[in-house]
Protein backbone atom coordinates (compact mmCIF):
# COMPACT_ATOMS: atom_id res chain seq x y z
CA UNK A 1 6.75 -26.43 -30.14
CA UNK A 2 8.96 -29.71 -30.14
CA UNK A 3 11.95 -27.37 -29.66
CA UNK A 4 10.62 -25.47 -27.02
CA UNK A 5 9.77 -28.42 -24.83
CA UNK A 6 13.44 -29.42 -26.01
CA UNK A 7 14.80 -26.03 -24.34
CA UNK A 8 13.24 -27.13 -20.92
CA UNK A 9 16.07 -28.77 -19.54
CA UNK A 10 18.72 -25.92 -20.79
CA UNK A 11 16.23 -23.70 -19.21
CA UNK A 12 16.56 -25.18 -16.24
CA UNK A 13 20.59 -25.30 -15.99
CA UNK A 14 20.27 -21.42 -16.62
CA UNK A 15 18.65 -20.76 -14.24
CA UNK A 16 20.38 -23.02 -11.81
CA UNK A 17 22.79 -21.00 -13.23
CA UNK A 18 22.35 -18.00 -12.26
CA UNK A 19 21.37 -18.87 -8.69
CA UNK A 20 24.90 -19.60 -8.51
CA UNK A 21 25.74 -16.09 -9.02
CA UNK A 22 24.79 -15.39 -5.53
CA UNK A 23 23.11 -11.97 -6.24
CA UNK A 24 20.41 -11.74 -3.77
CA UNK A 25 16.79 -11.67 -4.97
CA UNK A 26 14.80 -8.53 -4.41
CA UNK A 27 11.37 -6.64 -6.17
CA UNK A 28 12.01 -6.79 -10.09
CA UNK A 29 9.77 -4.49 -12.28
CA UNK A 30 9.93 -6.26 -15.17
CA UNK A 31 7.56 -4.01 -17.08
CA UNK A 32 10.57 -0.85 -17.03
CA UNK A 33 9.90 1.43 -19.46
CA UNK A 34 9.24 5.20 -20.35
CA UNK A 35 5.61 5.24 -19.55
CA UNK A 36 6.65 3.70 -16.14
CA UNK A 37 9.36 6.07 -14.89
CA UNK A 38 8.46 10.04 -14.30
CA UNK A 39 11.20 12.14 -12.67
CA UNK A 40 8.63 15.30 -11.81
CA UNK A 41 10.62 16.49 -8.47
CA UNK A 42 11.82 13.39 -7.93
CA UNK A 43 12.42 9.80 -9.73
CA UNK A 44 8.81 7.97 -9.18
CA UNK A 45 8.46 4.73 -11.31
CA UNK A 46 4.62 3.26 -11.69
CA UNK A 47 2.81 0.43 -13.07
CA UNK A 48 4.25 -2.80 -10.43
CA UNK A 49 1.19 -4.69 -11.55
CA UNK A 50 3.83 -7.12 -12.97
CA UNK A 51 6.30 -7.12 -10.55
CA UNK A 52 7.82 -10.08 -9.18
CA UNK A 53 9.95 -11.11 -6.42
CA UNK A 54 12.92 -12.73 -9.05
CA UNK A 55 16.70 -11.68 -10.15
CA UNK A 56 17.53 -7.84 -10.10
CA UNK A 57 18.36 -7.41 -13.00
CA UNK A 58 15.56 -8.79 -14.94
CA UNK A 59 13.91 -5.78 -14.63
CA UNK A 60 15.73 -4.61 -17.50
CA UNK A 61 14.47 -6.92 -19.96
CA UNK A 62 11.32 -4.62 -21.23
CA UNK A 63 13.64 -1.39 -20.70
CA UNK A 64 15.91 -2.99 -23.32
CA UNK A 65 13.22 -4.11 -25.83
CA UNK A 66 11.47 -0.95 -25.28
CA UNK A 67 15.12 0.83 -26.36
CA UNK A 68 15.08 -1.25 -29.51
CA UNK A 69 11.62 -1.75 -30.44
CA UNK A 70 9.92 1.36 -29.52
CA UNK A 71 13.50 4.04 -29.47
CA UNK A 72 14.90 2.56 -32.94
CA UNK A 73 18.79 1.81 -31.01
CA UNK A 74 20.51 -1.09 -32.74
CA UNK A 75 21.61 -3.70 -30.31
CA UNK A 76 24.90 -2.77 -30.58
CA UNK A 77 24.07 0.47 -30.01
CA UNK A 78 26.43 2.07 -26.35
CA UNK A 79 23.92 2.87 -24.73
CA UNK A 80 23.04 -0.34 -23.96
CA UNK A 81 26.30 -0.82 -22.19
CA UNK A 82 26.00 2.75 -20.77
CA UNK A 83 22.61 1.81 -19.07
CA UNK A 84 23.59 -1.63 -17.93
CA UNK A 85 26.99 -0.79 -16.13
CA UNK A 86 24.74 2.92 -14.42
CA UNK A 87 22.23 -0.17 -13.27
CA UNK A 88 24.95 -2.62 -11.80
CA UNK A 89 27.28 -0.09 -10.23
CA UNK A 90 25.30 -0.71 -6.26
CA UNK A 91 25.62 -3.93 -7.21
CA UNK A 92 29.60 -4.15 -7.32
CA UNK A 93 32.13 -4.45 -10.10
CA UNK A 94 32.51 -7.75 -12.51
CA UNK A 95 28.97 -8.35 -13.33
CA UNK A 96 29.08 -8.22 -16.63
CA UNK A 97 28.23 -11.95 -17.09
CA UNK A 98 25.91 -12.15 -14.53
CA UNK A 99 23.41 -9.75 -16.03
CA UNK A 100 23.86 -10.78 -19.54
CA UNK A 101 22.55 -14.29 -18.14
CA UNK A 102 19.90 -12.69 -16.28
CA UNK A 103 18.58 -11.30 -19.56
CA UNK A 104 18.69 -13.97 -21.00
CA UNK A 105 16.79 -15.97 -18.52
CA UNK A 106 14.64 -13.03 -17.83
CA UNK A 107 13.62 -12.34 -21.61
CA UNK A 108 12.35 -15.80 -21.73
CA UNK A 109 10.60 -15.57 -18.37
CA UNK A 110 9.03 -12.20 -19.50
CA UNK A 111 6.91 -14.56 -21.80
CA UNK A 112 5.65 -16.78 -18.73
CA UNK A 113 4.11 -13.43 -17.25
CA UNK A 114 2.49 -12.74 -20.85
CA UNK A 115 1.14 -16.45 -21.23
CA UNK A 116 -0.69 -15.97 -17.63
CA UNK A 117 -2.34 -12.92 -18.75
CA UNK A 118 -3.61 -14.13 -22.24
CA UNK A 119 -5.06 -17.58 -20.28
CA UNK A 120 -6.86 -14.59 -18.19
CA UNK A 121 -8.20 -12.41 -21.48
CA UNK A 122 -12.12 -11.89 -22.96
CA UNK A 123 -11.46 -14.07 -26.62
CA UNK A 124 -11.82 -10.72 -28.05
CA UNK A 125 -8.35 -9.17 -26.85
CA UNK A 126 -7.31 -11.98 -27.42
CA UNK A 127 -6.15 -10.85 -31.34
CA UNK A 128 -4.63 -7.78 -30.63
CA UNK A 129 -2.95 -8.86 -27.46
CA UNK A 130 -1.33 -11.57 -29.83
CA UNK A 131 0.02 -9.49 -32.11
CA UNK A 132 2.69 -7.91 -29.28
CA UNK A 133 3.34 -11.57 -27.60
CA UNK A 134 4.83 -12.55 -30.97
CA UNK A 135 7.14 -9.73 -30.29
CA UNK A 136 8.15 -10.70 -27.00
CA UNK A 137 7.81 -14.01 -27.31
CA UNK A 138 10.05 -14.45 -30.83
CA UNK A 139 12.88 -12.02 -28.90
CA UNK A 140 12.88 -14.33 -26.02
CA UNK A 141 12.95 -17.37 -28.41
CA UNK A 142 15.85 -15.33 -30.05
CA UNK A 143 17.97 -14.51 -27.35
CA UNK A 144 17.82 -17.87 -25.02
CA UNK A 145 17.29 -21.01 -26.76
CA UNK A 146 20.49 -21.71 -28.75
């Protein structure tokens, strides 16, 4: 916990650095994975319950986590770069570093949403929730704290 509290000023710096890239905030899904995307005569994205107005590149935080944990892709798999590049195409060129920073900040920020959800769960639901929350938190710490 001490290490986490000590990271607070650095996290603020990372957020400021991301804001300096001047990519406008917009709708960010924050739960974009294969169970929320459907292609049935057109593309539909469902379950907007975790969405917010935020940095748009954060929408792929959960997508990348699912590709690793559920689909078993290793972090260096070329699909991550292909997906990143396809996602960034409408935003313009030269945004790979901004995207990496957005994922770093977004991975950590995603834990805040989980913590807020946990606060409102009944006690009997917390053990199962905590199993997955531990995965999300470990990933955030590994990807964010230096």
